Amino acid sequence: MHLEFRHLRTIKAIHEAGGLARAAEQLHITQSALSHQVKGLEDQAGVELFVRRSKPLRLSVAGQKLLALANRILPEVEALEADLKGLISGRSGRLHIAIECHACFEWLFPVLELFRKAWPDVDVDIRPGLAFGALPALMREEVDLVVSSDPEKLPGIDFTPLFDYEPVFVASSRHPLAQKAFVTAEDFRDQTLITYPVDRSRLDVFTELLSPAKVEPASIRQVELTAVILLLVASNRGVAVLPDWVVREVRYSADYVTRPLTAGGITKRLYAATRSEETTLPYMAHVLRLARTEPLKLQKPSVPIA
């Protein structure tokens, strides 16, 4: 039996209308065409689908079975059609994010909270487990946006600048280095450096300061949570280097000091990597715009990248 969606819609329309004439009007076809369609369906099924001597027209047992099928299938088909229309118009879609920056959760969650309210039909997820294979995952379409400070030339991938930030030295106000106006690589030689549990290639203190100077800290302690890093620093158990958006509150605490790295400070830039054909989708453009502006509220006064 060759069953099409139009057959299910026909059975449902006739049942709800109670007759062929009204059902034909609802389906925007002639009554003759509707009768021909029902006859063809009954020929395929080998059984009558309606009790024709009844008024209003009533489904037979076989017709009731087709109606039950229509009631199950048609709502799913309609939902799929709505989803596809949403995808075409850019109202719905998928936004799965991988982050190569361990501390980015601090500003990313406020961004996504604003995004969620504006785009409720976009499926949002964060994939921290893909942190070190994030760009390959983006190219394989396993994720849709990667937050990274290391842009690369990749075919079909756009790197959109988000904002600049400053990696900042953080220590206890009782620490000897608290007396300095800024810190240098040499200052870390006899220090316990507290970092996130990620590879050195993902830590600004190494890529921008220590590795170029060939300086190794006395010891390294890895901690998962920012709050615990700050707790250990306040207890004078070590020093840390964190993005300026993380230390926005401790700047004004008597327990901590924050200092620039080197006399001139160090500036880094975050980027959002997306597939080129999706960068201009309405919801993608909106989340990129939010990611360019909202994190600046967590930093010292600054100006978005032009």
Protein backbone atom coordinates (compact mmCIF):
# COMPACT_ATOMS: atom_id res chain seq x y z
CA MET A 1 0.00 0.00 0.00
CA HIS A 2 1.44 3.35 -1.09
CA LEU A 3 0.50 5.84 1.62
CA GLU A 4 1.29 9.56 1.32
CA PHE A 5 0.98 12.46 3.76
CA ARG A 6 -1.86 13.87 1.62
CA HIS A 7 -3.82 10.66 2.20
CA LEU A 8 -3.52 11.09 5.95
CA ARG A 9 -4.55 14.75 5.69
CA THR A 10 -7.55 13.69 3.58
CA ILE A 11 -8.76 11.12 6.13
CA LYS A 12 -8.36 13.62 8.96
CA ALA A 13 -10.13 16.45 7.07
CA ILE A 14 -13.15 14.31 6.11
CA HIS A 15 -13.47 13.01 9.67
CA GLU A 16 -13.36 16.51 11.14
CA ALA A 17 -15.62 18.07 8.49
CA GLY A 18 -18.19 15.24 8.52
CA GLY A 19 -18.56 15.23 4.73
CA LEU A 20 -16.73 15.49 1.42
CA ALA A 21 -17.92 18.97 0.44
CA ARG A 22 -16.65 20.75 3.56
CA ALA A 23 -13.48 18.66 3.61
CA ALA A 24 -12.75 19.61 -0.01
CA GLU A 25 -13.06 23.30 0.93
CA GLN A 26 -10.60 22.87 3.79
CA LEU A 27 -8.12 21.08 1.54
CA HIS A 28 -8.60 23.60 -1.28
CA ILE A 29 -9.48 20.95 -3.88
CA THR A 30 -12.69 20.06 -5.72
CA GLN A 31 -15.11 17.57 -4.25
CA SER A 32 -14.65 15.42 -7.37
CA ALA A 33 -10.86 15.33 -6.87
CA LEU A 34 -11.34 14.42 -3.20
CA SER A 35 -13.76 11.60 -4.06
CA HIS A 36 -11.27 10.28 -6.63
CA GLN A 37 -8.48 10.35 -4.06
CA VAL A 38 -10.57 8.47 -1.48
CA LYS A 39 -11.58 5.86 -4.09
CA GLY A 40 -7.95 5.33 -5.07
CA LEU A 41 -6.93 4.92 -1.42
CA GLU A 42 -9.73 2.41 -0.79
CA ASP A 43 -8.68 0.46 -3.90
CA GLN A 44 -5.15 0.24 -2.51
CA ALA A 45 -6.35 -0.77 0.95
CA GLY A 46 -8.88 -3.26 -0.44
CA VAL A 47 -11.48 -2.08 2.06
CA GLU A 48 -13.91 0.80 2.48
CA LEU A 49 -12.66 3.61 4.70
CA PHE A 50 -16.05 5.30 5.28
CA VAL A 51 -19.58 4.20 6.08
CA ARG A 52 -21.19 6.11 3.24
CA ARG A 53 -24.82 5.69 4.28
CA SER A 54 -24.22 7.61 7.52
CA LYS A 55 -24.67 11.34 8.02
CA PRO A 56 -22.36 12.89 8.90
CA LEU A 57 -19.90 10.69 6.99
CA ARG A 58 -18.39 8.22 9.43
CA LEU A 59 -15.09 6.35 9.32
CA SER A 60 -15.12 2.58 9.07
CA VAL A 61 -12.93 0.45 11.33
CA ALA A 62 -10.18 0.58 8.69
CA GLY A 63 -10.63 4.34 8.38
CA GLN A 64 -10.29 4.73 12.16
CA LYS A 65 -6.93 2.99 11.99
CA LEU A 66 -5.73 5.43 9.32
CA LEU A 67 -7.04 8.34 11.39
CA ALA A 68 -5.06 7.14 14.40
CA LEU A 69 -1.97 7.01 12.21
CA ALA A 70 -2.69 10.51 10.90
CA ASN A 71 -3.03 11.85 14.45
CA ARG A 72 0.39 10.44 15.32
CA ILE A 73 2.28 11.33 12.16
CA LEU A 74 0.91 14.68 10.99
CA PRO A 75 1.82 16.70 14.13
CA GLU A 76 5.42 15.45 13.80
CA VAL A 77 5.46 16.38 10.11
CA GLU A 78 4.08 19.85 10.90
CA ALA A 79 6.69 20.35 13.62
CA LEU A 80 9.43 19.34 11.20
CA GLU A 81 8.12 21.74 8.57
CA ALA A 82 8.13 24.56 11.16
CA ASP A 83 11.71 23.68 12.16
CA LEU A 84 12.84 23.72 8.54
CA LYS A 85 11.16 27.07 7.93
CA GLY A 86 12.90 28.39 11.04
CA LEU A 87 16.24 27.18 9.75
CA ILE A 88 15.67 28.78 6.36
CA SER A 89 14.64 32.10 7.91
CA GLY A 90 17.44 32.00 10.49
CA ARG A 91 15.08 31.99 13.49
CA SER A 92 16.19 28.56 14.67
CA GLY A 93 19.31 26.47 14.47
CA ARG A 94 22.14 25.02 16.53
CA LEU A 95 24.82 26.86 18.50
CA HIS A 96 27.22 24.36 20.03
CA ILE A 97 30.26 26.13 21.43
CA ALA A 98 33.77 24.86 22.20
CA ILE A 99 36.11 27.06 24.22
CA GLU A 100 39.89 27.04 24.15
CA CYS A 101 39.96 29.52 27.04
CA HIS A 102 39.40 27.93 30.45
CA ALA A 103 38.37 31.20 32.12
CA CYS A 104 35.91 32.19 29.37
CA PHE A 105 32.99 30.72 31.30
CA GLU A 106 33.12 33.90 33.42
CA TRP A 107 31.81 36.06 30.56
CA LEU A 108 30.26 33.45 28.25
CA PHE A 109 27.36 32.52 30.55
CA PRO A 110 26.02 36.12 30.77
CA VAL A 111 26.28 36.35 26.97
CA LEU A 112 24.33 33.11 26.48
CA GLU A 113 21.68 34.16 28.98
CA LEU A 114 20.94 37.25 26.89
CA PHE A 115 21.12 35.20 23.69
CA ARG A 116 18.67 32.58 25.03
CA LYS A 117 16.00 35.20 25.63
CA ALA A 118 16.34 36.58 22.10
CA TRP A 119 16.59 33.22 20.29
CA PRO A 120 14.58 30.60 22.22
CA ASP A 121 14.43 28.27 19.19
CA VAL A 122 18.22 27.94 18.85
CA ASP A 123 19.70 24.86 20.55
CA VAL A 124 22.63 26.04 22.71
CA ASP A 125 25.30 23.83 24.24
CA ILE A 126 28.89 24.21 25.46
CA ARG A 127 31.43 21.49 24.75
CA PRO A 128 34.43 22.03 27.07
CA GLY A 129 35.60 18.47 26.41
CA LEU A 130 36.54 19.51 22.87
CA ALA A 131 38.85 22.28 24.11
CA PHE A 132 42.02 20.95 22.53
CA GLY A 133 40.49 19.70 19.28
CA ALA A 134 38.02 22.55 18.95
CA LEU A 135 38.94 23.87 15.50
CA PRO A 136 39.01 20.42 13.86
CA ALA A 137 35.62 19.79 15.49
CA LEU A 138 34.35 23.03 13.98
CA MET A 139 35.48 21.94 10.52
CA ARG A 140 33.76 18.56 11.02
CA GLU A 141 30.55 20.42 11.98
CA GLU A 142 30.54 18.87 15.45
CA VAL A 143 30.48 22.36 16.99
CA ASP A 144 29.41 25.71 15.52
CA LEU A 145 31.52 28.31 17.30
CA VAL A 146 34.96 28.18 18.89
CA VAL A 147 36.29 30.82 21.29
CA SER A 148 40.04 31.09 20.76
CA SER A 149 42.95 33.52 21.19
CA ASP A 150 44.93 31.84 18.41
CA PRO A 151 43.48 32.57 14.94
CA GLU A 152 44.62 30.34 12.11
CA LYS A 153 44.24 30.42 8.34
CA LEU A 154 41.77 27.61 7.75
CA PRO A 155 39.67 27.09 4.61
CA GLY A 156 36.02 27.92 5.15
CA ILE A 157 36.56 29.30 8.68
CA ASP A 158 36.10 32.94 9.77
CA PHE A 159 37.82 34.36 12.85
CA THR A 160 35.78 37.31 14.14
CA PRO A 161 37.58 39.58 16.65
CA LEU A 162 35.68 39.82 19.93
CA PHE A 163 37.57 41.95 22.46
CA ASP A 164 41.02 42.66 23.85
CA TYR A 165 41.95 41.68 27.37
CA GLU A 166 44.94 41.94 29.70
CA PRO A 167 46.46 38.95 31.52
CA VAL A 168 47.00 40.27 35.06
CA PHE A 169 49.34 39.13 37.84
CA VAL A 170 47.43 38.39 41.08
CA ALA A 171 49.03 37.95 44.51
CA SER A 172 48.22 38.32 48.17
CA SER A 173 48.57 41.86 49.47
CA ARG A 174 51.10 40.36 51.93
CA HIS A 175 53.27 38.93 49.15
CA PRO A 176 56.72 40.53 48.61
CA LEU A 177 55.91 41.17 44.93
CA ALA A 178 52.96 43.32 46.03
CA GLN A 179 55.45 46.16 46.47
CA LYS A 180 56.33 46.20 42.76
CA ALA A 181 54.57 48.37 40.18
CA PHE A 182 54.73 45.51 37.65
CA VAL A 183 56.18 41.99 37.43
CA THR A 184 58.59 40.44 34.96
CA ALA A 185 59.38 36.87 33.96
CA GLU A 186 62.30 36.75 36.42
CA ASP A 187 59.92 37.41 39.32
CA PHE A 188 58.37 33.96 38.81
CA ARG A 189 61.56 31.90 39.26
CA ASP A 190 61.04 31.37 43.00
CA GLN A 191 57.24 31.36 42.97
CA THR A 192 54.51 28.74 43.11
CA LEU A 193 52.38 29.51 40.05
CA ILE A 194 48.73 28.50 40.36
CA THR A 195 47.11 27.79 36.98
CA TYR A 196 44.13 26.10 35.40
CA PRO A 197 44.69 22.41 34.54
CA VAL A 198 45.41 23.00 30.85
CA ASP A 199 48.44 22.69 28.61
CA ARG A 200 51.00 25.50 28.76
CA SER A 201 50.22 26.43 25.18
CA ARG A 202 46.79 27.58 26.44
CA LEU A 203 48.10 29.73 29.29
CA ASP A 204 48.99 33.37 28.60
CA VAL A 205 51.58 33.50 31.39
CA PHE A 206 53.65 30.91 29.52
CA THR A 207 53.01 31.86 25.89
CA GLU A 208 53.39 35.62 26.41
CA LEU A 209 55.94 35.84 29.24
CA LEU A 210 57.71 32.83 30.72
CA SER A 211 58.42 30.64 27.68
CA PRO A 212 59.91 33.46 25.55
CA ALA A 213 62.12 34.40 28.53
CA LYS A 214 63.00 30.72 29.19
CA VAL A 215 61.92 31.11 32.83
CA GLU A 216 60.48 28.25 34.87
CA PRO A 217 58.53 28.84 38.12
CA ALA A 218 59.72 27.09 41.26
CA SER A 219 56.55 24.97 41.15
CA ILE A 220 53.18 24.81 39.44
CA ARG A 221 49.90 23.99 41.13
CA GLN A 222 46.89 23.25 38.92
CA VAL A 223 43.40 24.14 40.13
CA GLU A 224 40.10 23.71 38.27
CA LEU A 225 38.02 26.54 39.74
CA THR A 226 38.73 30.26 39.56
CA ALA A 227 37.30 30.79 43.05
CA VAL A 228 39.75 28.25 44.50
CA ILE A 229 42.67 29.87 42.66
CA LEU A 230 41.77 33.20 44.25
CA LEU A 231 41.34 31.58 47.66
CA LEU A 232 44.83 30.08 47.49
CA VAL A 233 46.31 33.36 46.30
CA ALA A 234 44.66 35.26 49.17
CA SER A 235 46.14 32.67 51.56
CA ASN A 236 49.59 33.42 50.11
CA ARG A 237 49.96 29.84 48.82
CA GLY A 238 51.11 31.05 45.42
CA VAL A 239 50.56 33.62 42.66
CA ALA A 240 48.44 33.51 39.52
CA VAL A 241 47.96 35.22 36.18
CA LEU A 242 44.31 35.64 35.19
CA PRO A 243 42.40 37.58 32.51
CA ASP A 244 41.25 41.02 33.61
CA TRP A 245 37.58 40.01 33.42
CA VAL A 246 38.24 37.42 36.16
CA VAL A 247 39.90 39.83 38.57
CA ARG A 248 37.32 42.62 38.24
CA GLU A 249 36.26 42.24 41.89
CA VAL A 250 39.58 41.43 43.57
CA ARG A 251 41.08 44.65 42.22
CA TYR A 252 39.23 46.43 45.01
CA SER A 253 39.83 43.85 47.76
CA ALA A 254 42.37 44.48 50.51
CA ASP A 255 43.37 40.79 50.32
CA TYR A 256 44.83 41.01 46.81
CA VAL A 257 47.03 43.07 44.56
CA THR A 258 46.90 43.01 40.77
CA ARG A 259 49.84 44.09 38.67
CA PRO A 260 50.57 44.27 34.94
CA LEU A 261 52.94 41.80 33.32
CA THR A 262 55.98 43.88 32.30
CA ALA A 263 56.14 47.66 32.41
CA GLY A 264 53.87 48.11 29.41
CA GLY A 265 51.46 45.29 30.21
CA ILE A 266 50.43 42.55 27.80
CA THR A 267 47.31 42.64 25.62
CA LYS A 268 45.65 39.62 24.03
CA ARG A 269 42.66 39.33 21.72
CA LEU A 270 39.88 36.77 21.74
CA TYR A 271 38.25 35.55 18.54
CA ALA A 272 35.16 33.59 17.61
CA ALA A 273 35.75 31.00 14.90
CA THR A 274 32.73 30.03 12.79
CA ARG A 275 32.12 28.32 9.48
CA SER A 276 32.08 31.00 6.78
CA GLU A 277 28.64 30.10 5.45
CA GLU A 278 27.14 30.49 8.96
CA THR A 279 28.89 33.64 10.18
CA THR A 280 26.15 35.93 8.83
CA LEU A 281 23.17 33.85 10.00
CA PRO A 282 20.95 36.18 12.07
CA TYR A 283 21.34 34.31 15.34
CA MET A 284 25.10 33.81 14.82
CA ALA A 285 25.57 37.51 14.07
CA HIS A 286 23.67 38.34 17.26
CA VAL A 287 25.72 36.09 19.55
CA LEU A 288 28.92 37.50 18.03
CA ARG A 289 27.67 41.01 18.71
CA LEU A 290 26.88 40.11 22.33
CA ALA A 291 30.30 38.49 22.74
CA ARG A 292 31.94 41.71 21.52
CA THR A 293 30.16 43.96 24.00
CA GLU A 294 28.96 42.15 27.13
CA PRO A 295 32.41 40.96 28.38
CA LEU A 296 33.63 44.56 28.42
CA LYS A 297 31.30 45.18 31.36
CA LEU A 298 33.44 42.73 33.37
CA GLN A 299 36.66 44.52 32.56
CA LYS A 300 38.03 47.93 33.42
CA PRO A 301 36.53 50.68 31.18
CA SER A 302 37.38 49.87 27.60
CA VAL A 303 36.21 50.30 24.02
CA PRO A 304 34.99 47.46 21.74
CA ILE A 305 37.11 46.56 18.74
CA ALA A 306 36.07 48.61 15.71
